[in-house]
Amino acid sequence: MGDSVTLAIGVTGVAPGPHGIHLHTTGQCNGPDFTTAGGHLNPLGKRHGSLAPDGKHEGDLPNLVVQPGGSGALTAELQGTPEQVQEWLFDRDGTAIVLHADADDYRTDPSGNSGARIACGVLTSG
């Protein structure tokens, strides 16, 4: 819609509590540590975190809070026109979404001090 795109995320089977979750530059999820997903998606060259003075980069998402039963959901706004966001997400090497073990502190560059990568998925259009 206009200058943003809504991203909806759902998880199950995850330890309860807040978890950092980010969009990463490469659509690859080779375990066990998912480093093949690369760094955070940052097409506009911003610093990490919603508390950064010049604004967050595109891959920064709010913490996903997992409930005691092991499931959680999050809806986040990605800034940019639908065409821009599609170009960023579905470029030649794709985009991964990575769930981290700990909460994102919204300021530590480049990862939000959110701990190990514990789950990974590749975004697809369709």
C-alpha atoms as a PDB file:
ATOM      1  CA  MET A   1       0.000   0.000   0.000  1.00  0.00           C
ATOM      2  CA  GLY A   2       1.537   3.315  -1.042  1.00  0.00           C
ATOM      3  CA  ASP A   3       5.011   3.567   0.484  1.00  0.00           C
ATOM      4  CA  SER A   4       5.020   0.367   2.525  1.00  0.00           C
ATOM      5  CA  VAL A   5       4.496  -3.370   2.250  1.00  0.00           C
ATOM      6  CA  THR A   6       3.078  -5.501   5.066  1.00  0.00           C
ATOM      7  CA  LEU A   7       4.983  -8.667   5.947  1.00  0.00           C
ATOM      8  CA  ALA A   8       3.204 -11.294   8.091  1.00  0.00           C
ATOM      9  CA  ILE A   9       5.274 -13.929   9.913  1.00  0.00           C
ATOM     10  CA  GLY A  10       4.232 -16.966  11.962  1.00  0.00           C
ATOM     11  CA  VAL A  11       6.412 -19.470  13.828  1.00  0.00           C
ATOM     12  CA  THR A  12       5.830 -22.656  15.824  1.00  0.00           C
ATOM     13  CA  GLY A  13       8.089 -24.898  17.876  1.00  0.00           C
ATOM     14  CA  VAL A  14      10.253 -22.055  19.203  1.00  0.00           C
ATOM     15  CA  ALA A  15      11.320 -21.340  22.794  1.00  0.00           C
ATOM     16  CA  PRO A  16       9.049 -18.759  24.460  1.00  0.00           C
ATOM     17  CA  GLY A  17      10.144 -15.147  24.747  1.00  0.00           C
ATOM     18  CA  PRO A  18      11.276 -12.347  22.434  1.00  0.00           C
ATOM     19  CA  HIS A  19      13.443 -13.209  19.444  1.00  0.00           C
ATOM     20  CA  GLY A  20      15.205 -10.995  16.934  1.00  0.00           C
ATOM     21  CA  ILE A  21      14.045 -11.660  13.401  1.00  0.00           C
ATOM     22  CA  HIS A  22      15.599 -10.135  10.298  1.00  0.00           C
ATOM     23  CA  LEU A  23      15.559 -10.209   6.532  1.00  0.00           C
ATOM     24  CA  HIS A  24      18.950 -11.331   5.212  1.00  0.00           C
ATOM     25  CA  THR A  25      20.582 -10.631   1.849  1.00  0.00           C
ATOM     26  CA  THR A  26      20.759 -14.139   0.402  1.00  0.00           C
ATOM     27  CA  GLY A  27      18.006 -16.698  -0.031  1.00  0.00           C
ATOM     28  CA  GLN A  28      20.030 -19.647   1.313  1.00  0.00           C
ATOM     29  CA  CYS A  29      19.472 -21.452   4.600  1.00  0.00           C
ATOM     30  CA  ASN A  30      22.255 -24.009   4.954  1.00  0.00           C
ATOM     31  CA  GLY A  31      22.451 -25.255   8.546  1.00  0.00           C
ATOM     32  CA  PRO A  32      23.397 -25.566  11.181  1.00  0.00           C
ATOM     33  CA  ASP A  33      24.199 -21.835  11.619  1.00  0.00           C
ATOM     34  CA  PHE A  34      22.514 -20.345   8.511  1.00  0.00           C
ATOM     35  CA  THR A  35      25.458 -18.052   7.736  1.00  0.00           C
ATOM     36  CA  THR A  36      24.753 -18.640   4.036  1.00  0.00           C
ATOM     37  CA  ALA A  37      21.865 -16.158   4.451  1.00  0.00           C
ATOM     38  CA  GLY A  38      24.455 -13.358   4.635  1.00  0.00           C
ATOM     39  CA  GLY A  39      24.009 -10.093   6.518  1.00  0.00           C
ATOM     40  CA  HIS A  40      20.882  -8.024   6.981  1.00  0.00           C
ATOM     41  CA  LEU A  41      19.043  -6.694   3.962  1.00  0.00           C
ATOM     42  CA  ASN A  42      20.170  -3.065   3.735  1.00  0.00           C
ATOM     43  CA  PRO A  43      19.620  -1.655   0.228  1.00  0.00           C
ATOM     44  CA  LEU A  44      19.709   1.983   1.416  1.00  0.00           C
ATOM     45  CA  GLY A  45      22.910   1.709   3.499  1.00  0.00           C
ATOM     46  CA  LYS A  46      21.388   2.507   6.914  1.00  0.00           C
ATOM     47  CA  ARG A  47      22.650   1.448  10.348  1.00  0.00           C
ATOM     48  CA  HIS A  48      20.989  -1.312  12.370  1.00  0.00           C
ATOM     49  CA  GLY A  49      18.061  -0.792  14.670  1.00  0.00           C
ATOM     50  CA  SER A  50      14.891   1.207  15.024  1.00  0.00           C
ATOM     51  CA  LEU A  51      16.778   3.351  17.579  1.00  0.00           C
ATOM     52  CA  ALA A  52      19.448   4.351  14.998  1.00  0.00           C
ATOM     53  CA  PRO A  53      19.494   8.139  14.473  1.00  0.00           C
ATOM     54  CA  ASP A  54      18.952   7.984  10.685  1.00  0.00           C
ATOM     55  CA  GLY A  55      16.451   5.141  10.763  1.00  0.00           C
ATOM     56  CA  LYS A  56      16.739   1.380  10.494  1.00  0.00           C
ATOM     57  CA  HIS A  57      17.691  -0.713   7.522  1.00  0.00           C
ATOM     58  CA  GLU A  58      15.109  -2.724   5.598  1.00  0.00           C
ATOM     59  CA  GLY A  59      16.061  -6.053   7.193  1.00  0.00           C
ATOM     60  CA  ASP A  60      15.328  -4.831  10.724  1.00  0.00           C
ATOM     61  CA  LEU A  61      12.044  -6.153  12.013  1.00  0.00           C
ATOM     62  CA  PRO A  62      10.464  -5.835  15.467  1.00  0.00           C
ATOM     63  CA  ASN A  63      11.154  -8.652  17.918  1.00  0.00           C
ATOM     64  CA  LEU A  64       8.875 -11.631  17.483  1.00  0.00           C
ATOM     65  CA  VAL A  65       7.394 -12.698  20.834  1.00  0.00           C
ATOM     66  CA  VAL A  66       6.801 -16.427  21.158  1.00  0.00           C
ATOM     67  CA  GLN A  67       4.078 -17.480  23.587  1.00  0.00           C
ATOM     68  CA  PRO A  68       4.452 -20.275  26.202  1.00  0.00           C
ATOM     69  CA  GLY A  69       2.987 -22.827  23.762  1.00  0.00           C
ATOM     70  CA  GLY A  70       5.857 -22.218  21.314  1.00  0.00           C
ATOM     71  CA  SER A  71       4.086 -20.162  18.663  1.00  0.00           C
ATOM     72  CA  GLY A  72       4.300 -16.505  17.736  1.00  0.00           C
ATOM     73  CA  ALA A  73       3.253 -14.084  15.047  1.00  0.00           C
ATOM     74  CA  LEU A  74       4.378 -10.701  13.832  1.00  0.00           C
ATOM     75  CA  THR A  75       3.181  -8.182  11.296  1.00  0.00           C
ATOM     76  CA  ALA A  76       5.777  -5.636  10.149  1.00  0.00           C
ATOM     77  CA  GLU A  77       5.850  -2.781   7.665  1.00  0.00           C
ATOM     78  CA  LEU A  78       8.631  -2.680   5.089  1.00  0.00           C
ATOM     79  CA  GLN A  79       9.258   0.883   3.896  1.00  0.00           C
ATOM     80  CA  GLY A  80       9.240   1.434   0.132  1.00  0.00           C
ATOM     81  CA  THR A  81       6.823   1.127  -2.714  1.00  0.00           C
ATOM     82  CA  PRO A  82       5.633  -2.396  -3.522  1.00  0.00           C
ATOM     83  CA  GLU A  83       7.833  -2.327  -6.631  1.00  0.00           C
ATOM     84  CA  GLN A  84      10.954  -1.313  -4.648  1.00  0.00           C
ATOM     85  CA  VAL A  85      10.353  -3.904  -1.935  1.00  0.00           C
ATOM     86  CA  GLN A  86       9.770  -6.667  -4.495  1.00  0.00           C
ATOM     87  CA  GLU A  87      13.022  -5.710  -6.235  1.00  0.00           C
ATOM     88  CA  TRP A  88      14.928  -5.865  -2.935  1.00  0.00           C
ATOM     89  CA  LEU A  89      13.386  -9.134  -1.763  1.00  0.00           C
ATOM     90  CA  PHE A  90      13.314 -11.071  -5.023  1.00  0.00           C
ATOM     91  CA  ASP A  91      16.615 -10.074  -6.587  1.00  0.00           C
ATOM     92  CA  ARG A  92      18.904 -12.605  -8.264  1.00  0.00           C
ATOM     93  CA  ASP A  93      20.074 -14.301  -5.039  1.00  0.00           C
ATOM     94  CA  GLY A  94      16.807 -13.953  -3.111  1.00  0.00           C
ATOM     95  CA  THR A  95      16.205 -13.113   0.545  1.00  0.00           C
ATOM     96  CA  ALA A  96      16.100 -15.197   3.715  1.00  0.00           C
ATOM     97  CA  ILE A  97      14.262 -14.529   6.946  1.00  0.00           C
ATOM     98  CA  VAL A  98      16.265 -15.531  10.016  1.00  0.00           C
ATOM     99  CA  LEU A  99      15.059 -16.042  13.580  1.00  0.00           C
ATOM    100  CA  HIS A 100      17.601 -15.443  16.349  1.00  0.00           C
ATOM    101  CA  ALA A 101      17.909 -16.969  19.828  1.00  0.00           C
ATOM    102  CA  ASP A 102      17.717 -13.656  21.710  1.00  0.00           C
ATOM    103  CA  ALA A 103      15.856 -10.367  21.498  1.00  0.00           C
ATOM    104  CA  ASP A 104      17.164  -7.604  19.233  1.00  0.00           C
ATOM    105  CA  ASP A 105      18.308  -4.565  21.244  1.00  0.00           C
ATOM    106  CA  TYR A 106      17.374  -2.274  18.298  1.00  0.00           C
ATOM    107  CA  ARG A 107      20.720  -0.466  18.340  1.00  0.00           C
ATOM    108  CA  THR A 108      23.836  -2.682  18.149  1.00  0.00           C
ATOM    109  CA  ASP A 109      25.183  -2.563  14.585  1.00  0.00           C
ATOM    110  CA  PRO A 110      25.044  -4.765  12.576  1.00  0.00           C
ATOM    111  CA  SER A 111      22.972  -7.504  14.250  1.00  0.00           C
ATOM    112  CA  GLY A 112      21.127  -6.064  17.241  1.00  0.00           C
ATOM    113  CA  ASN A 113      23.056  -8.361  19.591  1.00  0.00           C
ATOM    114  CA  SER A 114      20.338 -10.947  18.964  1.00  0.00           C
ATOM    115  CA  GLY A 115      22.405 -14.088  19.354  1.00  0.00           C
ATOM    116  CA  ALA A 116      22.654 -17.247  17.292  1.00  0.00           C
ATOM    117  CA  ARG A 117      20.613 -17.886  14.181  1.00  0.00           C
ATOM    118  CA  ILE A 118      18.172 -20.643  15.177  1.00  0.00           C
ATOM    119  CA  ALA A 119      15.790 -20.866  12.202  1.00  0.00           C
ATOM    120  CA  CYS A 120      15.830 -19.753   8.593  1.00  0.00           C
ATOM    121  CA  GLY A 121      13.450 -19.646   5.632  1.00  0.00           C
ATOM    122  CA  VAL A 122      13.684 -18.409   2.050  1.00  0.00           C
ATOM    123  CA  LEU A 123      11.136 -15.866   0.850  1.00  0.00           C
ATOM    124  CA  THR A 124       9.414 -16.704  -2.418  1.00  0.00           C
ATOM    125  CA  SER A 125       7.005 -14.700  -4.528  1.00  0.00           C
ATOM    126  CA  GLY A 126       3.698 -16.128  -5.446  1.00  0.00           C
END
